[in-house]
Amino acid sequence: MIRSMTGYGKAEVEILGSTCTIEARCVNGRYLELSTKLPREWSEKEGQIREIVRERVTRGSLTVSIRRAETVASSAIGVNMNAATAYVQSLQQIKAELGLAGEIHIEHLVHLPNIFEADNSSSDDVDVWPGLQPGIIEALDALNAMRDREGAELAGDLDQRLTMMLQSIDVVERMSVERIDTERVRLRERVRQLVDDAIVDEQRLQLEIILLSEKLDVTEECVRLRSHIKHFRQYMTSDEKAGRKLNFLLQEMNREINTIGSKCNHADIAVIVVGVKEELERMREQVQNVE
């Protein structure tokens, strides 16, 4: 069954005493494009995350984000004395060069950046991957479950449109055959009106009728259209990722219906051809979201 490229999955795990929220979001993409948003101290895990993603997702623009809820137990607060010393020296220099009065107090420093920082040194040697990996897998599985549900809805919609196209093809083929007979009679009548029956070249007339029939006959195009629809349905129910193949088949189907429209050159058939082309365009938009 086909799978949509759009979806969302979420999981939560406990790591080093804090709750980690893992989210996976995916939208349409020609290829697999992965971006990650990780806590700075876990940035080296990106390669392992990519390996897990490639095993479960083949197409789409995917973002995996991990948020870690900091707690006092998981992250002690330290003072960056180097930064504080540099700030004090800079303030003293400003005071001296500009001739400013007053003393430098602690309240002047507490609002400056990088004075206080989380001290994660106690957890630097702890491998968080055993706790992180199951959460990433859970989020990706939830993402794919949602994409499967949306894919099933897409498949149902596409199948209905294929059925309507088959019905339209049957009508066009029948009208085309009827038109061939009509045009054959009309051609004979035109020739009879233009020339005397005694000098009509019957062999030449039969040749012209055959050429006209071949020009108006769309049986070959209708057969190919039905074949494309058959393969389209097979790909929709197969286990392989069929997005690109479905898109290719739609291009071929559009080419065949254009040929039918140009060969028939009939108002009633043209209306049906336009309707089929509109359905193909709607299907093309839907297939852009298939993995």
C-alpha atoms as a PDB file:
ATOM      1  CA  MET A   1       0.000   0.000   0.000  1.00  0.00           C
ATOM      2  CA  ILE A   2       1.272   3.466  -0.847  1.00  0.00           C
ATOM      3  CA  ARG A   3       2.578   5.733   1.915  1.00  0.00           C
ATOM      4  CA  SER A   4       2.231   9.489   2.174  1.00  0.00           C
ATOM      5  CA  MET A   5       5.342  11.607   2.707  1.00  0.00           C
ATOM      6  CA  THR A   6       3.552  13.868   5.199  1.00  0.00           C
ATOM      7  CA  GLY A   7       3.364  12.895   8.867  1.00  0.00           C
ATOM      8  CA  TYR A   8       4.237  13.535  12.490  1.00  0.00           C
ATOM      9  CA  GLY A   9       5.473  11.294  15.302  1.00  0.00           C
ATOM     10  CA  LYS A  10       6.370  11.929  18.937  1.00  0.00           C
ATOM     11  CA  ALA A  11       7.940  10.014  21.812  1.00  0.00           C
ATOM     12  CA  GLU A  12       9.213  10.765  25.325  1.00  0.00           C
ATOM     13  CA  VAL A  13      12.043   9.025  27.188  1.00  0.00           C
ATOM     14  CA  GLU A  14      13.842   9.548  30.488  1.00  0.00           C
ATOM     15  CA  ILE A  15      17.590  10.151  30.204  1.00  0.00           C
ATOM     16  CA  LEU A  16      19.890  11.115  33.095  1.00  0.00           C
ATOM     17  CA  GLY A  17      16.931  12.091  35.247  1.00  0.00           C
ATOM     18  CA  SER A  18      15.322  14.449  32.712  1.00  0.00           C
ATOM     19  CA  THR A  19      12.489  14.025  30.218  1.00  0.00           C
ATOM     20  CA  CYS A  20      13.475  14.084  26.545  1.00  0.00           C
ATOM     21  CA  THR A  21      10.824  14.837  23.936  1.00  0.00           C
ATOM     22  CA  ILE A  22      11.567  13.472  20.465  1.00  0.00           C
ATOM     23  CA  GLU A  23       9.554  14.727  17.480  1.00  0.00           C
ATOM     24  CA  ALA A  24       9.714  13.651  13.837  1.00  0.00           C
ATOM     25  CA  ARG A  25       8.038  15.830  11.190  1.00  0.00           C
ATOM     26  CA  CYS A  26       8.024  15.057   7.472  1.00  0.00           C
ATOM     27  CA  VAL A  27       6.696  16.922   4.417  1.00  0.00           C
ATOM     28  CA  ASN A  28       7.018  16.451   0.664  1.00  0.00           C
ATOM     29  CA  GLY A  29      10.501  16.131  -0.761  1.00  0.00           C
ATOM     30  CA  ARG A  30      11.989  14.798  -3.956  1.00  0.00           C
ATOM     31  CA  TYR A  31      14.657  12.915  -2.026  1.00  0.00           C
ATOM     32  CA  LEU A  32      15.318  12.150   1.630  1.00  0.00           C
ATOM     33  CA  GLU A  33      16.415  15.407   3.240  1.00  0.00           C
ATOM     34  CA  LEU A  34      17.106  15.091   6.977  1.00  0.00           C
ATOM     35  CA  SER A  35      17.730  17.892   9.447  1.00  0.00           C
ATOM     36  CA  THR A  36      18.244  17.454  13.184  1.00  0.00           C
ATOM     37  CA  LYS A  37      17.765  19.740  16.168  1.00  0.00           C
ATOM     38  CA  LEU A  38      19.675  18.294  19.116  1.00  0.00           C
ATOM     39  CA  PRO A  39      20.981  19.455  22.481  1.00  0.00           C
ATOM     40  CA  ARG A  40      24.519  20.698  22.000  1.00  0.00           C
ATOM     41  CA  GLU A  41      26.009  17.982  24.192  1.00  0.00           C
ATOM     42  CA  TRP A  42      24.391  15.261  22.016  1.00  0.00           C
ATOM     43  CA  SER A  43      25.370  16.654  18.624  1.00  0.00           C
ATOM     44  CA  GLU A  44      27.714  13.709  17.978  1.00  0.00           C
ATOM     45  CA  LYS A  45      24.671  11.403  17.861  1.00  0.00           C
ATOM     46  CA  GLU A  46      23.506  12.842  14.535  1.00  0.00           C
ATOM     47  CA  GLY A  47      25.233  10.117  12.497  1.00  0.00           C
ATOM     48  CA  GLN A  48      23.510   7.346  14.445  1.00  0.00           C
ATOM     49  CA  ILE A  49      20.174   9.121  14.076  1.00  0.00           C
ATOM     50  CA  ARG A  50      20.654   9.323  10.303  1.00  0.00           C
ATOM     51  CA  GLU A  51      21.265   5.575  10.112  1.00  0.00           C
ATOM     52  CA  ILE A  52      17.983   4.850  11.912  1.00  0.00           C
ATOM     53  CA  VAL A  53      16.092   7.303   9.698  1.00  0.00           C
ATOM     54  CA  ARG A  54      17.426   5.796   6.450  1.00  0.00           C
ATOM     55  CA  GLU A  55      16.151   2.377   7.552  1.00  0.00           C
ATOM     56  CA  ARG A  56      12.589   3.717   7.926  1.00  0.00           C
ATOM     57  CA  VAL A  57      12.164   6.655   5.545  1.00  0.00           C
ATOM     58  CA  THR A  58      13.173   6.832   1.863  1.00  0.00           C
ATOM     59  CA  ARG A  59      11.704  10.163   0.666  1.00  0.00           C
ATOM     60  CA  GLY A  60      10.605  13.424   2.206  1.00  0.00           C
ATOM     61  CA  SER A  61      11.926  16.479   4.004  1.00  0.00           C
ATOM     62  CA  LEU A  62      12.287  15.136   7.552  1.00  0.00           C
ATOM     63  CA  THR A  63      13.137  16.984  10.748  1.00  0.00           C
ATOM     64  CA  VAL A  64      14.050  15.130  13.947  1.00  0.00           C
ATOM     65  CA  SER A  65      14.135  17.370  17.015  1.00  0.00           C
ATOM     66  CA  ILE A  66      15.084  16.421  20.577  1.00  0.00           C
ATOM     67  CA  ARG A  67      14.315  18.669  23.537  1.00  0.00           C
ATOM     68  CA  ARG A  68      15.778  17.929  26.934  1.00  0.00           C
ATOM     69  CA  ALA A  69      13.994  19.296  30.000  1.00  0.00           C
ATOM     70  CA  GLU A  70      16.813  20.554  32.223  1.00  0.00           C
ATOM     71  CA  THR A  71      16.488  19.949  35.972  1.00  0.00           C
ATOM     72  CA  VAL A  72      18.661  20.813  38.958  1.00  0.00           C
ATOM     73  CA  ALA A  73      19.453  17.138  39.327  1.00  0.00           C
ATOM     74  CA  SER A  74      20.532  16.758  35.721  1.00  0.00           C
ATOM     75  CA  SER A  75      22.432  20.004  35.260  1.00  0.00           C
ATOM     76  CA  ALA A  76      24.294  21.840  37.985  1.00  0.00           C
ATOM     77  CA  ILE A  77      24.897  25.585  37.598  1.00  0.00           C
ATOM     78  CA  GLY A  78      28.490  26.769  37.461  1.00  0.00           C
ATOM     79  CA  VAL A  79      30.208  30.172  37.280  1.00  0.00           C
ATOM     80  CA  ASN A  80      32.415  30.994  34.342  1.00  0.00           C
ATOM     81  CA  MET A  81      35.184  32.822  36.249  1.00  0.00           C
ATOM     82  CA  ASN A  82      37.158  33.550  33.099  1.00  0.00           C
ATOM     83  CA  ALA A  83      34.205  35.384  31.582  1.00  0.00           C
ATOM     84  CA  ALA A  84      33.474  37.219  34.863  1.00  0.00           C
ATOM     85  CA  THR A  85      37.101  38.356  35.198  1.00  0.00           C
ATOM     86  CA  ALA A  86      37.171  39.591  31.610  1.00  0.00           C
ATOM     87  CA  TYR A  87      33.926  41.545  32.147  1.00  0.00           C
ATOM     88  CA  VAL A  88      35.273  43.226  35.321  1.00  0.00           C
ATOM     89  CA  GLN A  89      38.516  44.208  33.588  1.00  0.00           C
ATOM     90  CA  SER A  90      36.596  45.617  30.638  1.00  0.00           C
ATOM     91  CA  LEU A  91      34.274  47.615  32.935  1.00  0.00           C
ATOM     92  CA  GLN A  92      37.263  49.005  34.848  1.00  0.00           C
ATOM     93  CA  GLN A  93      38.880  50.048  31.550  1.00  0.00           C
ATOM     94  CA  ILE A  94      35.704  51.796  30.455  1.00  0.00           C
ATOM     95  CA  LYS A  95      35.448  53.558  33.840  1.00  0.00           C
ATOM     96  CA  ALA A  96      39.074  54.752  33.703  1.00  0.00           C
ATOM     97  CA  GLU A  97      39.124  55.935  30.095  1.00  0.00           C
ATOM     98  CA  LEU A  98      35.799  57.752  30.318  1.00  0.00           C
ATOM     99  CA  GLY A  99      36.363  59.111  33.813  1.00  0.00           C
ATOM    100  CA  LEU A 100      33.213  57.564  35.233  1.00  0.00           C
ATOM    101  CA  ALA A 101      32.421  57.534  38.947  1.00  0.00           C
ATOM    102  CA  GLY A 102      31.023  54.657  41.002  1.00  0.00           C
ATOM    103  CA  GLU A 103      31.988  51.136  41.869  1.00  0.00           C
ATOM    104  CA  ILE A 104      31.492  47.859  39.980  1.00  0.00           C
ATOM    105  CA  HIS A 105      28.933  45.696  41.811  1.00  0.00           C
ATOM    106  CA  ILE A 106      27.678  42.142  41.382  1.00  0.00           C
ATOM    107  CA  GLU A 107      24.388  43.344  39.857  1.00  0.00           C
ATOM    108  CA  HIS A 108      26.404  44.717  36.957  1.00  0.00           C
ATOM    109  CA  LEU A 109      27.585  41.201  36.121  1.00  0.00           C
ATOM    110  CA  VAL A 110      24.636  38.877  36.714  1.00  0.00           C
ATOM    111  CA  HIS A 111      22.815  40.007  33.571  1.00  0.00           C
ATOM    112  CA  LEU A 112      25.811  39.643  31.280  1.00  0.00           C
ATOM    113  CA  PRO A 113      25.905  36.538  29.006  1.00  0.00           C
ATOM    114  CA  ASN A 114      28.012  33.463  29.768  1.00  0.00           C
ATOM    115  CA  ILE A 115      28.521  34.305  33.463  1.00  0.00           C
ATOM    116  CA  PHE A 116      26.485  31.294  34.568  1.00  0.00           C
ATOM    117  CA  GLU A 117      26.441  28.024  32.639  1.00  0.00           C
ATOM    118  CA  ALA A 118      25.185  24.493  33.012  1.00  0.00           C
ATOM    119  CA  ASP A 119      27.805  22.085  34.228  1.00  0.00           C
ATOM    120  CA  ASN A 120      27.291  18.774  32.424  1.00  0.00           C
ATOM    121  CA  SER A 121      30.708  17.402  33.231  1.00  0.00           C
ATOM    122  CA  SER A 122      29.168  14.760  35.504  1.00  0.00           C
ATOM    123  CA  SER A 123      27.331  13.211  32.528  1.00  0.00           C
ATOM    124  CA  ASP A 124      29.984  13.643  29.839  1.00  0.00           C
ATOM    125  CA  ASP A 125      31.170  10.067  30.226  1.00  0.00           C
ATOM    126  CA  VAL A 126      27.653   8.562  30.194  1.00  0.00           C
ATOM    127  CA  ASP A 127      26.468   7.106  26.874  1.00  0.00           C
ATOM    128  CA  VAL A 128      22.911   8.352  26.368  1.00  0.00           C
ATOM    129  CA  TRP A 129      22.368   6.394  23.151  1.00  0.00           C
ATOM    130  CA  PRO A 130      20.836   3.268  24.790  1.00  0.00           C
ATOM    131  CA  GLY A 131      18.099   5.497  26.201  1.00  0.00           C
ATOM    132  CA  LEU A 132      17.807   7.777  23.184  1.00  0.00           C
ATOM    133  CA  GLN A 133      17.631   5.144  20.442  1.00  0.00           C
ATOM    134  CA  PRO A 134      14.290   3.530  21.499  1.00  0.00           C
ATOM    135  CA  GLY A 135      12.665   6.970  21.663  1.00  0.00           C
ATOM    136  CA  ILE A 136      13.831   7.872  18.149  1.00  0.00           C
ATOM    137  CA  ILE A 137      12.535   4.564  16.809  1.00  0.00           C
ATOM    138  CA  GLU A 138       9.195   5.095  18.560  1.00  0.00           C
ATOM    139  CA  ALA A 139       8.827   8.594  17.085  1.00  0.00           C
ATOM    140  CA  LEU A 140       9.676   7.363  13.574  1.00  0.00           C
ATOM    141  CA  ASP A 141       7.272   4.426  13.887  1.00  0.00           C
ATOM    142  CA  ALA A 142       4.518   6.836  14.946  1.00  0.00           C
ATOM    143  CA  LEU A 143       5.416   9.044  11.974  1.00  0.00           C
ATOM    144  CA  ASN A 144       5.158   6.117   9.552  1.00  0.00           C
ATOM    145  CA  ALA A 145       1.877   4.952  11.085  1.00  0.00           C
ATOM    146  CA  MET A 146       0.388   8.354  10.339  1.00  0.00           C
ATOM    147  CA  ARG A 147       1.872   8.329   6.832  1.00  0.00           C
ATOM    148  CA  ASP A 148       0.375   4.877   6.213  1.00  0.00           C
ATOM    149  CA  ARG A 149      -3.081   6.077   7.245  1.00  0.00           C
ATOM    150  CA  GLU A 150      -2.850   9.068   4.945  1.00  0.00           C
ATOM    151  CA  GLY A 151      -1.495   6.830   2.178  1.00  0.00           C
ATOM    152  CA  ALA A 152      -4.533   4.561   2.481  1.00  0.00           C
ATOM    153  CA  GLU A 153      -6.811   7.583   2.052  1.00  0.00           C
ATOM    154  CA  LEU A 154      -4.801   8.698  -0.983  1.00  0.00           C
ATOM    155  CA  ALA A 155      -5.049   5.224  -2.492  1.00  0.00           C
ATOM    156  CA  GLY A 156      -8.833   5.211  -2.075  1.00  0.00           C
ATOM    157  CA  ASP A 157      -9.169   8.576  -3.762  1.00  0.00           C
ATOM    158  CA  LEU A 158      -6.838   7.636  -6.617  1.00  0.00           C
ATOM    159  CA  ASP A 159      -8.651   4.348  -7.199  1.00  0.00           C
ATOM    160  CA  GLN A 160     -11.995   6.141  -7.536  1.00  0.00           C
ATOM    161  CA  ARG A 161     -10.525   8.501 -10.112  1.00  0.00           C
ATOM    162  CA  LEU A 162      -9.074   5.573 -12.055  1.00  0.00           C
ATOM    163  CA  THR A 163     -12.513   3.954 -12.171  1.00  0.00           C
ATOM    164  CA  MET A 164     -14.034   7.145 -13.566  1.00  0.00           C
ATOM    165  CA  MET A 165     -11.258   7.309 -16.162  1.00  0.00           C
ATOM    166  CA  LEU A 166     -11.959   3.740 -17.287  1.00  0.00           C
ATOM    167  CA  GLN A 167     -15.612   4.594 -17.735  1.00  0.00           C
ATOM    168  CA  SER A 168     -14.676   7.653 -19.780  1.00  0.00           C
ATOM    169  CA  ILE A 169     -12.308   5.600 -21.946  1.00  0.00           C
ATOM    170  CA  ASP A 170     -15.089   3.107 -22.704  1.00  0.00           C
ATOM    171  CA  VAL A 171     -17.358   5.945 -23.800  1.00  0.00           C
ATOM    172  CA  VAL A 172     -14.668   7.549 -25.967  1.00  0.00           C
ATOM    173  CA  GLU A 173     -13.838   4.243 -27.648  1.00  0.00           C
ATOM    174  CA  ARG A 174     -17.494   3.552 -28.414  1.00  0.00           C
ATOM    175  CA  MET A 175     -18.063   7.063 -29.758  1.00  0.00           C
ATOM    176  CA  SER A 176     -14.930   6.787 -31.872  1.00  0.00           C
ATOM    177  CA  VAL A 177     -16.143   3.576 -33.536  1.00  0.00           C
ATOM    178  CA  GLU A 178     -19.553   5.117 -34.207  1.00  0.00           C
ATOM    179  CA  ARG A 179     -17.908   8.201 -35.656  1.00  0.00           C
ATOM    180  CA  ILE A 180     -15.840   6.110 -38.073  1.00  0.00           C
ATOM    181  CA  ASP A 181     -19.030   4.623 -39.537  1.00  0.00           C
ATOM    182  CA  THR A 182     -20.618   8.071 -39.713  1.00  0.00           C
ATOM    183  CA  GLU A 183     -17.611   9.628 -41.412  1.00  0.00           C
ATOM    184  CA  ARG A 184     -17.471   6.735 -43.917  1.00  0.00           C
ATOM    185  CA  VAL A 185     -21.053   7.390 -45.002  1.00  0.00           C
ATOM    186  CA  ARG A 186     -20.419  11.129 -45.076  1.00  0.00           C
ATOM    187  CA  LEU A 187     -17.343  10.706 -47.271  1.00  0.00           C
ATOM    188  CA  ARG A 188     -19.253   8.605 -49.799  1.00  0.00           C
ATOM    189  CA  GLU A 189     -22.036  11.191 -49.890  1.00  0.00           C
ATOM    190  CA  ARG A 190     -19.594  14.037 -50.485  1.00  0.00           C
ATOM    191  CA  VAL A 191     -17.923  12.190 -53.336  1.00  0.00           C
ATOM    192  CA  ARG A 192     -21.305  11.382 -54.893  1.00  0.00           C
ATOM    193  CA  GLN A 193     -22.273  15.045 -54.778  1.00  0.00           C
ATOM    194  CA  LEU A 194     -19.037  16.202 -56.373  1.00  0.00           C
ATOM    195  CA  VAL A 195     -18.673  13.729 -59.208  1.00  0.00           C
ATOM    196  CA  ASP A 196     -20.797  11.529 -61.342  1.00  0.00           C
ATOM    197  CA  ASP A 197     -21.242   7.984 -60.017  1.00  0.00           C
ATOM    198  CA  ALA A 198     -20.007   6.645 -63.310  1.00  0.00           C
ATOM    199  CA  ILE A 199     -16.549   8.071 -62.918  1.00  0.00           C
ATOM    200  CA  VAL A 200     -15.999   7.384 -59.190  1.00  0.00           C
ATOM    201  CA  ASP A 201     -12.811   5.446 -58.611  1.00  0.00           C
ATOM    202  CA  GLU A 202     -14.124   2.903 -56.117  1.00  0.00           C
ATOM    203  CA  GLN A 203     -10.665   1.613 -55.278  1.00  0.00           C
ATOM    204  CA  ARG A 204      -9.408   5.107 -54.519  1.00  0.00           C
ATOM    205  CA  LEU A 205     -12.526   5.773 -52.458  1.00  0.00           C
ATOM    206  CA  GLN A 206     -11.967   2.634 -50.394  1.00  0.00           C
ATOM    207  CA  LEU A 207      -8.363   3.681 -49.787  1.00  0.00           C
ATOM    208  CA  GLU A 208      -9.460   7.094 -48.563  1.00  0.00           C
ATOM    209  CA  ILE A 209     -12.010   5.455 -46.270  1.00  0.00           C
ATOM    210  CA  ILE A 210      -9.312   3.188 -44.807  1.00  0.00           C
ATOM    211  CA  LEU A 211      -6.991   6.134 -44.227  1.00  0.00           C
ATOM    212  CA  LEU A 212      -9.791   8.075 -42.584  1.00  0.00           C
ATOM    213  CA  SER A 213     -10.633   5.127 -40.341  1.00  0.00           C
ATOM    214  CA  GLU A 214      -7.016   4.777 -39.250  1.00  0.00           C
ATOM    215  CA  LYS A 215      -6.839   8.482 -38.513  1.00  0.00           C
ATOM    216  CA  LEU A 216      -9.953   8.405 -36.333  1.00  0.00           C
ATOM    217  CA  ASP A 217      -9.328   5.060 -34.636  1.00  0.00           C
ATOM    218  CA  VAL A 218      -8.166   5.454 -31.004  1.00  0.00           C
ATOM    219  CA  THR A 219      -8.304   1.779 -30.054  1.00  0.00           C
ATOM    220  CA  GLU A 220      -4.531   1.563 -29.620  1.00  0.00           C
ATOM    221  CA  GLU A 221      -4.461   4.594 -27.299  1.00  0.00           C
ATOM    222  CA  CYS A 222      -7.362   3.254 -25.242  1.00  0.00           C
ATOM    223  CA  VAL A 223      -5.630  -0.112 -24.847  1.00  0.00           C
ATOM    224  CA  ARG A 224      -2.457   1.578 -23.609  1.00  0.00           C
ATOM    225  CA  LEU A 225      -4.459   3.755 -21.214  1.00  0.00           C
ATOM    226  CA  ARG A 226      -6.119   0.679 -19.699  1.00  0.00           C
ATOM    227  CA  SER A 227      -2.702  -0.964 -19.389  1.00  0.00           C
ATOM    228  CA  HIS A 228      -1.295   2.094 -17.575  1.00  0.00           C
ATOM    229  CA  ILE A 229      -4.272   2.098 -15.194  1.00  0.00           C
ATOM    230  CA  LYS A 230      -3.750  -1.615 -14.491  1.00  0.00           C
ATOM    231  CA  HIS A 231      -0.086  -1.052 -13.632  1.00  0.00           C
ATOM    232  CA  PHE A 232      -0.963   2.040 -11.595  1.00  0.00           C
ATOM    233  CA  ARG A 233      -3.254  -0.055  -9.380  1.00  0.00           C
ATOM    234  CA  GLN A 234      -0.637  -2.775  -9.047  1.00  0.00           C
ATOM    235  CA  TYR A 235       1.965  -0.283  -7.821  1.00  0.00           C
ATOM    236  CA  MET A 236      -0.527   1.200  -5.349  1.00  0.00           C
ATOM    237  CA  THR A 237      -1.001  -2.193  -3.679  1.00  0.00           C
ATOM    238  CA  SER A 238       2.643  -3.346  -3.812  1.00  0.00           C
ATOM    239  CA  ASP A 239       5.111  -3.120  -0.932  1.00  0.00           C
ATOM    240  CA  GLU A 240       7.679  -1.108  -2.880  1.00  0.00           C
ATOM    241  CA  LYS A 241       7.951   2.677  -2.736  1.00  0.00           C
ATOM    242  CA  ALA A 242       6.039   3.604  -5.881  1.00  0.00           C
ATOM    243  CA  GLY A 243       5.842   7.414  -5.862  1.00  0.00           C
ATOM    244  CA  ARG A 244       8.205   7.959  -8.807  1.00  0.00           C
ATOM    245  CA  LYS A 245       6.671   5.130 -10.866  1.00  0.00           C
ATOM    246  CA  LEU A 246       3.161   6.456 -10.322  1.00  0.00           C
ATOM    247  CA  ASN A 247       4.270   9.900 -11.441  1.00  0.00           C
ATOM    248  CA  PHE A 248       5.803   8.419 -14.607  1.00  0.00           C
ATOM    249  CA  LEU A 249       2.614   6.481 -15.407  1.00  0.00           C
ATOM    250  CA  LEU A 250       0.548   9.653 -15.058  1.00  0.00           C
ATOM    251  CA  GLN A 251       2.789  11.355 -17.617  1.00  0.00           C
ATOM    252  CA  GLU A 252       2.242   8.471 -20.036  1.00  0.00           C
ATOM    253  CA  MET A 253      -1.518   8.499 -19.430  1.00  0.00           C
ATOM    254  CA  ASN A 254      -1.627  12.226 -20.133  1.00  0.00           C
ATOM    255  CA  ARG A 255       0.271  11.671 -23.402  1.00  0.00           C
ATOM    256  CA  GLU A 256      -2.258   9.046 -24.538  1.00  0.00           C
ATOM    257  CA  ILE A 257      -5.309  11.158 -23.719  1.00  0.00           C
ATOM    258  CA  ASN A 258      -3.784  14.103 -25.606  1.00  0.00           C
ATOM    259  CA  THR A 259      -3.363  11.864 -28.649  1.00  0.00           C
ATOM    260  CA  ILE A 260      -6.980  10.747 -28.400  1.00  0.00           C
ATOM    261  CA  GLY A 261      -8.145  14.350 -28.272  1.00  0.00           C
ATOM    262  CA  SER A 262      -6.143  15.351 -31.341  1.00  0.00           C
ATOM    263  CA  LYS A 263      -7.215  12.290 -33.389  1.00  0.00           C
ATOM    264  CA  CYS A 264     -10.912  12.413 -32.664  1.00  0.00           C
ATOM    265  CA  ASN A 265     -11.457  16.144 -33.230  1.00  0.00           C
ATOM    266  CA  HIS A 266     -15.058  15.830 -32.073  1.00  0.00           C
ATOM    267  CA  ALA A 267     -16.895  18.163 -29.698  1.00  0.00           C
ATOM    268  CA  ASP A 268     -18.509  15.487 -27.512  1.00  0.00           C
ATOM    269  CA  ILE A 269     -15.289  13.471 -27.255  1.00  0.00           C
ATOM    270  CA  ALA A 270     -13.328  16.661 -26.534  1.00  0.00           C
ATOM    271  CA  VAL A 271     -15.500  17.298 -23.481  1.00  0.00           C
ATOM    272  CA  ILE A 272     -14.707  13.828 -22.144  1.00  0.00           C
ATOM    273  CA  VAL A 273     -10.987  14.264 -22.901  1.00  0.00           C
ATOM    274  CA  VAL A 274     -10.900  17.538 -20.969  1.00  0.00           C
ATOM    275  CA  GLY A 275     -12.584  15.830 -18.012  1.00  0.00           C
ATOM    276  CA  VAL A 276     -10.026  13.012 -18.042  1.00  0.00           C
ATOM    277  CA  LYS A 277      -7.166  15.505 -18.201  1.00  0.00           C
ATOM    278  CA  GLU A 278      -8.577  17.333 -15.176  1.00  0.00           C
ATOM    279  CA  GLU A 279      -8.672  14.045 -13.247  1.00  0.00           C
ATOM    280  CA  LEU A 280      -5.084  13.309 -14.269  1.00  0.00           C
ATOM    281  CA  GLU A 281      -3.969  16.703 -12.987  1.00  0.00           C
ATOM    282  CA  ARG A 282      -5.687  16.104  -9.635  1.00  0.00           C
ATOM    283  CA  MET A 283      -4.028  12.702  -9.429  1.00  0.00           C
ATOM    284  CA  ARG A 284      -0.646  14.221 -10.267  1.00  0.00           C
ATOM    285  CA  GLU A 285      -1.005  16.629  -7.326  1.00  0.00           C
ATOM    286  CA  GLN A 286      -1.897  13.715  -5.049  1.00  0.00           C
ATOM    287  CA  VAL A 287       0.984  11.540  -6.241  1.00  0.00           C
ATOM    288  CA  GLN A 288       3.490  14.292  -5.393  1.00  0.00           C
ATOM    289  CA  ASN A 289       2.823  13.345  -1.761  1.00  0.00           C
ATOM    290  CA  VAL A 290       3.478   9.609  -2.237  1.00  0.00           C
ATOM    291  CA  GLU A 291       6.767   8.167  -0.957  1.00  0.00           C
END
